[in-house]
């Protein structure tokens, strides 16, 4: 079609405006990834590890041979020791032990009742070393990483060995990850067969950790890839964790240096948190994930001491002092 009466400069002007709109929307990949949400990483120090994460995200979100479509940008995060602290005892285990007894456990509770009790524990009971509610022991830099990935069109899931409903009781408010994006260990449950009825817990979490047949889903170690496949149906391209319990999740995610990224949180800051990840005597066993990271270029070991400018949202102190 011919438009003889329209000035070519006018056409060029309007085309440039349209192109700018498309670029700002990310439709054509005109902006590099570092322009999308890098401010979420302000609680990180300017280190090679931070830059490696940014470089990977920039590479797979920029149009080119390494580009990955948003629908396939999946990231999975472990919970205990990755998104929040896990010492001196895993918080979900602490919660269960406080409610363990002949007439005191969660069997028979509806999922709503259990989630409310778990929420009360997380928000109103204090962790013994820092003397603040458990909710306050969330790692600010890791939440920043979650938000950075979300800003770059990632869908972020939690993949935890803890009780799935325990994590769901606070994940949305504390992490910005809704309950439907939480994968975790699940006890067996039953439905009461009433209209508008309830799903009730039918087995005990602690017993299930000893005997996995009492669980609907064991979501640690080799159970993590199974849980990811069952819940998401896609392989992640980024996995973040801290322990040997995450090793199989890392194996499942790692499909090659340019196509996947593994991030390990190394607990090596005895002044501001704990030091244990690289010490078998403290950790209880060798950290298989940290050992394997030495052999793989796309596995990043993040030092809490060196890479994190801050650890918690508030400036918290342990009592007594940690370092010997």
Foldseek 3Di string as FASTA:
>chain_A
DDDVVDDPVVVVVVVVVVVVVCVVVLVQQVDFLCVFQVVLQVQWDPDPLVVLVSVLLRQQSHPDPNHDDLVQAEEEEEPDPFFFDQPPHRPLVVLQVVQDDPPGGQFFPFLVRVLVSLLCQQQPPADDFQRHRNLQRTFSNSLSVVVSSVSSSYQYAYQYQHELSSCQSCCCPSRVHHSLRYFYWAFDWDWPPDVVTTIGGHAGPVVCVVPVVRTPFRRWALRVVVRCCVSPVHAHQEYEEAALRCVNNVVSNPPDQSRHAYEHEAACDQQQGRHDRCPCVRVVHHGPLVVVLVVDPRYHYDYCVRTGNHTGPDRTGTPPRGDD
